[in-house]
Amino acid sequence: MNALTRDTNAWRLIGSIDDIPSQGARCVENGETKIAVFRTADDRIFALEDKCPHKNGPLSQGIVHGGCVTCPLHNWVISLETGAATGADDGRTASFPVRLDGRDIYLNLQQGA
């Protein structure tokens, strides 16, 4: 049994990797929470709450580079893996586990951290 079938209620199919441009993002909503799903240049997928820990800027509109996204409002750099601000900045946004099954992206909505 793979991780996707262990708890089918936690994982939601949100689309294909092809739905997200390379070094771009796509948003999905879970109730009141907007989640940005990012694709890096090497096709890694990450999901963060779509708000910068600084002033709630829309991370989905930021620049994806390496394993980070730069907030479009005040240039805070956020780790896509952890949701933590990098460098001298301090703060964190919620991150959500993602899994690829072929080219399909699954998002775990119960594990925002």
C-alpha atoms as a PDB file:
ATOM      1  CA  MET A   1       0.000   0.000   0.000  1.00  0.00           C
ATOM      2  CA  ASN A   2       1.485   3.361  -0.957  1.00  0.00           C
ATOM      3  CA  ALA A   3       1.244   6.621   0.975  1.00  0.00           C
ATOM      4  CA  LEU A   4      -1.582   7.899  -1.224  1.00  0.00           C
ATOM      5  CA  THR A   5      -3.902   5.032  -0.366  1.00  0.00           C
ATOM      6  CA  ARG A   6      -3.154   4.874   3.371  1.00  0.00           C
ATOM      7  CA  ASP A   7      -5.352   7.858   4.187  1.00  0.00           C
ATOM      8  CA  THR A   8      -7.365   8.776   1.127  1.00  0.00           C
ATOM      9  CA  ASN A   9      -9.273  11.476   2.993  1.00  0.00           C
ATOM     10  CA  ALA A  10      -6.100  13.473   3.614  1.00  0.00           C
ATOM     11  CA  TRP A  11      -4.831  13.536   0.008  1.00  0.00           C
ATOM     12  CA  ARG A  12      -6.551  15.483  -2.751  1.00  0.00           C
ATOM     13  CA  LEU A  13      -5.750  15.322  -6.456  1.00  0.00           C
ATOM     14  CA  ILE A  14      -5.228  18.950  -7.473  1.00  0.00           C
ATOM     15  CA  GLY A  15      -4.068  18.542 -11.063  1.00  0.00           C
ATOM     16  CA  SER A  16      -1.064  17.714 -13.152  1.00  0.00           C
ATOM     17  CA  ILE A  17       2.485  18.990 -12.991  1.00  0.00           C
ATOM     18  CA  ASP A  18       1.784  20.257 -16.520  1.00  0.00           C
ATOM     19  CA  ASP A  19      -0.797  22.698 -15.071  1.00  0.00           C
ATOM     20  CA  ILE A  20       1.987  24.667 -13.362  1.00  0.00           C
ATOM     21  CA  PRO A  21       4.582  26.530 -15.429  1.00  0.00           C
ATOM     22  CA  SER A  22       8.222  25.790 -14.707  1.00  0.00           C
ATOM     23  CA  GLN A  23       9.357  28.154 -11.922  1.00  0.00           C
ATOM     24  CA  GLY A  24       5.752  29.180 -11.373  1.00  0.00           C
ATOM     25  CA  ALA A  25       2.775  28.544  -9.105  1.00  0.00           C
ATOM     26  CA  ARG A  26      -0.893  27.673  -9.109  1.00  0.00           C
ATOM     27  CA  CYS A  27      -3.346  28.275  -6.257  1.00  0.00           C
ATOM     28  CA  VAL A  28      -5.907  25.946  -4.748  1.00  0.00           C
ATOM     29  CA  GLU A  29      -8.336  26.733  -1.966  1.00  0.00           C
ATOM     30  CA  ASN A  30      -9.141  24.701   1.100  1.00  0.00           C
ATOM     31  CA  GLY A  31     -11.941  26.497   2.905  1.00  0.00           C
ATOM     32  CA  GLU A  32     -10.585  29.902   3.897  1.00  0.00           C
ATOM     33  CA  THR A  33      -6.986  28.898   3.182  1.00  0.00           C
ATOM     34  CA  LYS A  34      -5.358  29.635  -0.163  1.00  0.00           C
ATOM     35  CA  ILE A  35      -2.485  27.281  -0.938  1.00  0.00           C
ATOM     36  CA  ALA A  36       0.187  28.043  -3.529  1.00  0.00           C
ATOM     37  CA  VAL A  37       1.597  24.983  -5.297  1.00  0.00           C
ATOM     38  CA  PHE A  38       5.032  25.677  -6.772  1.00  0.00           C
ATOM     39  CA  ARG A  39       7.037  23.949  -9.502  1.00  0.00           C
ATOM     40  CA  THR A  40      10.801  24.434  -9.594  1.00  0.00           C
ATOM     41  CA  ALA A  41      12.965  24.405 -12.732  1.00  0.00           C
ATOM     42  CA  ASP A  42      13.875  20.768 -11.991  1.00  0.00           C
ATOM     43  CA  ASP A  43      10.196  19.789 -11.571  1.00  0.00           C
ATOM     44  CA  ARG A  44      10.086  19.513  -7.788  1.00  0.00           C
ATOM     45  CA  ILE A  45       6.669  20.388  -6.337  1.00  0.00           C
ATOM     46  CA  PHE A  46       6.040  22.237  -3.064  1.00  0.00           C
ATOM     47  CA  ALA A  47       2.970  23.725  -1.377  1.00  0.00           C
ATOM     48  CA  LEU A  48       2.804  26.687   0.996  1.00  0.00           C
ATOM     49  CA  GLU A  49       0.013  28.815   2.353  1.00  0.00           C
ATOM     50  CA  ASP A  50      -0.184  31.698  -0.114  1.00  0.00           C
ATOM     51  CA  LYS A  51       0.920  34.393   2.294  1.00  0.00           C
ATOM     52  CA  CYS A  52       4.310  35.676   3.235  1.00  0.00           C
ATOM     53  CA  PRO A  53       5.009  35.645   6.995  1.00  0.00           C
ATOM     54  CA  HIS A  54       6.074  39.304   6.764  1.00  0.00           C
ATOM     55  CA  LYS A  55       2.987  41.183   5.513  1.00  0.00           C
ATOM     56  CA  ASN A  56       0.876  38.361   3.988  1.00  0.00           C
ATOM     57  CA  GLY A  57       2.061  39.056   0.433  1.00  0.00           C
ATOM     58  CA  PRO A  58       0.876  36.577  -2.236  1.00  0.00           C
ATOM     59  CA  LEU A  59       3.767  34.121  -2.560  1.00  0.00           C
ATOM     60  CA  SER A  60       2.110  32.604  -5.639  1.00  0.00           C
ATOM     61  CA  GLN A  61       2.963  35.827  -7.479  1.00  0.00           C
ATOM     62  CA  GLY A  62       6.601  35.744  -6.397  1.00  0.00           C
ATOM     63  CA  ILE A  63       9.714  34.626  -8.239  1.00  0.00           C
ATOM     64  CA  VAL A  64      10.614  30.936  -7.861  1.00  0.00           C
ATOM     65  CA  HIS A  65      14.372  30.330  -7.829  1.00  0.00           C
ATOM     66  CA  GLY A  66      16.258  27.289  -6.646  1.00  0.00           C
ATOM     67  CA  GLY A  67      14.308  25.942  -3.693  1.00  0.00           C
ATOM     68  CA  CYS A  68      12.863  29.325  -2.721  1.00  0.00           C
ATOM     69  CA  VAL A  69      10.256  31.900  -3.645  1.00  0.00           C
ATOM     70  CA  THR A  70      10.774  35.658  -3.286  1.00  0.00           C
ATOM     71  CA  CYS A  71       7.723  37.554  -2.059  1.00  0.00           C
ATOM     72  CA  PRO A  72       6.605  40.200  -4.583  1.00  0.00           C
ATOM     73  CA  LEU A  73       5.881  42.816  -1.888  1.00  0.00           C
ATOM     74  CA  HIS A  74       9.084  43.193   0.128  1.00  0.00           C
ATOM     75  CA  ASN A  75      11.516  40.635  -1.335  1.00  0.00           C
ATOM     76  CA  TRP A  76      11.493  38.223   1.584  1.00  0.00           C
ATOM     77  CA  VAL A  77      12.941  34.871   0.463  1.00  0.00           C
ATOM     78  CA  ILE A  78      10.943  31.851   1.660  1.00  0.00           C
ATOM     79  CA  SER A  79      12.127  28.223   1.574  1.00  0.00           C
ATOM     80  CA  LEU A  80       9.722  26.143  -0.506  1.00  0.00           C
ATOM     81  CA  GLU A  81      10.600  23.052   1.522  1.00  0.00           C
ATOM     82  CA  THR A  82       9.991  24.446   5.015  1.00  0.00           C
ATOM     83  CA  GLY A  83       8.053  27.700   4.567  1.00  0.00           C
ATOM     84  CA  ALA A  84      10.696  29.484   6.670  1.00  0.00           C
ATOM     85  CA  ALA A  85      12.116  32.889   5.817  1.00  0.00           C
ATOM     86  CA  THR A  86      15.794  32.754   4.906  1.00  0.00           C
ATOM     87  CA  GLY A  87      18.705  35.054   5.646  1.00  0.00           C
ATOM     88  CA  ALA A  88      18.216  37.706   8.313  1.00  0.00           C
ATOM     89  CA  ASP A  89      14.407  37.585   8.054  1.00  0.00           C
ATOM     90  CA  ASP A  90      12.435  35.605  10.628  1.00  0.00           C
ATOM     91  CA  GLY A  91       9.046  33.965  10.151  1.00  0.00           C
ATOM     92  CA  ARG A  92       7.335  30.958   8.634  1.00  0.00           C
ATOM     93  CA  THR A  93       4.290  30.184   6.530  1.00  0.00           C
ATOM     94  CA  ALA A  94       2.452  26.857   6.667  1.00  0.00           C
ATOM     95  CA  SER A  95       3.745  24.130   4.361  1.00  0.00           C
ATOM     96  CA  PHE A  96       1.734  21.191   3.038  1.00  0.00           C
ATOM     97  CA  PRO A  97       3.008  17.764   1.936  1.00  0.00           C
ATOM     98  CA  VAL A  98       2.717  17.011  -1.784  1.00  0.00           C
ATOM     99  CA  ARG A  99       3.212  13.797  -3.730  1.00  0.00           C
ATOM    100  CA  LEU A 100       3.585  13.084  -7.411  1.00  0.00           C
ATOM    101  CA  ASP A 101       1.967   9.971  -8.868  1.00  0.00           C
ATOM    102  CA  GLY A 102       3.178   9.976 -12.443  1.00  0.00           C
ATOM    103  CA  ARG A 103       2.389  13.571 -13.419  1.00  0.00           C
ATOM    104  CA  ASP A 104      -0.573  13.919 -11.028  1.00  0.00           C
ATOM    105  CA  ILE A 105      -0.109  16.149  -7.979  1.00  0.00           C
ATOM    106  CA  TYR A 106      -1.682  15.188  -4.662  1.00  0.00           C
ATOM    107  CA  LEU A 107      -1.853  17.645  -1.774  1.00  0.00           C
ATOM    108  CA  ASN A 108      -2.250  16.633   1.873  1.00  0.00           C
ATOM    109  CA  LEU A 109      -4.649  19.170   3.337  1.00  0.00           C
ATOM    110  CA  GLN A 110      -4.578  17.842   6.902  1.00  0.00           C
ATOM    111  CA  GLN A 111      -0.895  18.413   7.568  1.00  0.00           C
ATOM    112  CA  GLY A 112      -0.295  22.150   7.231  1.00  0.00           C
ATOM    113  CA  ALA A 113       2.561  22.972   9.571  1.00  0.00           C
END
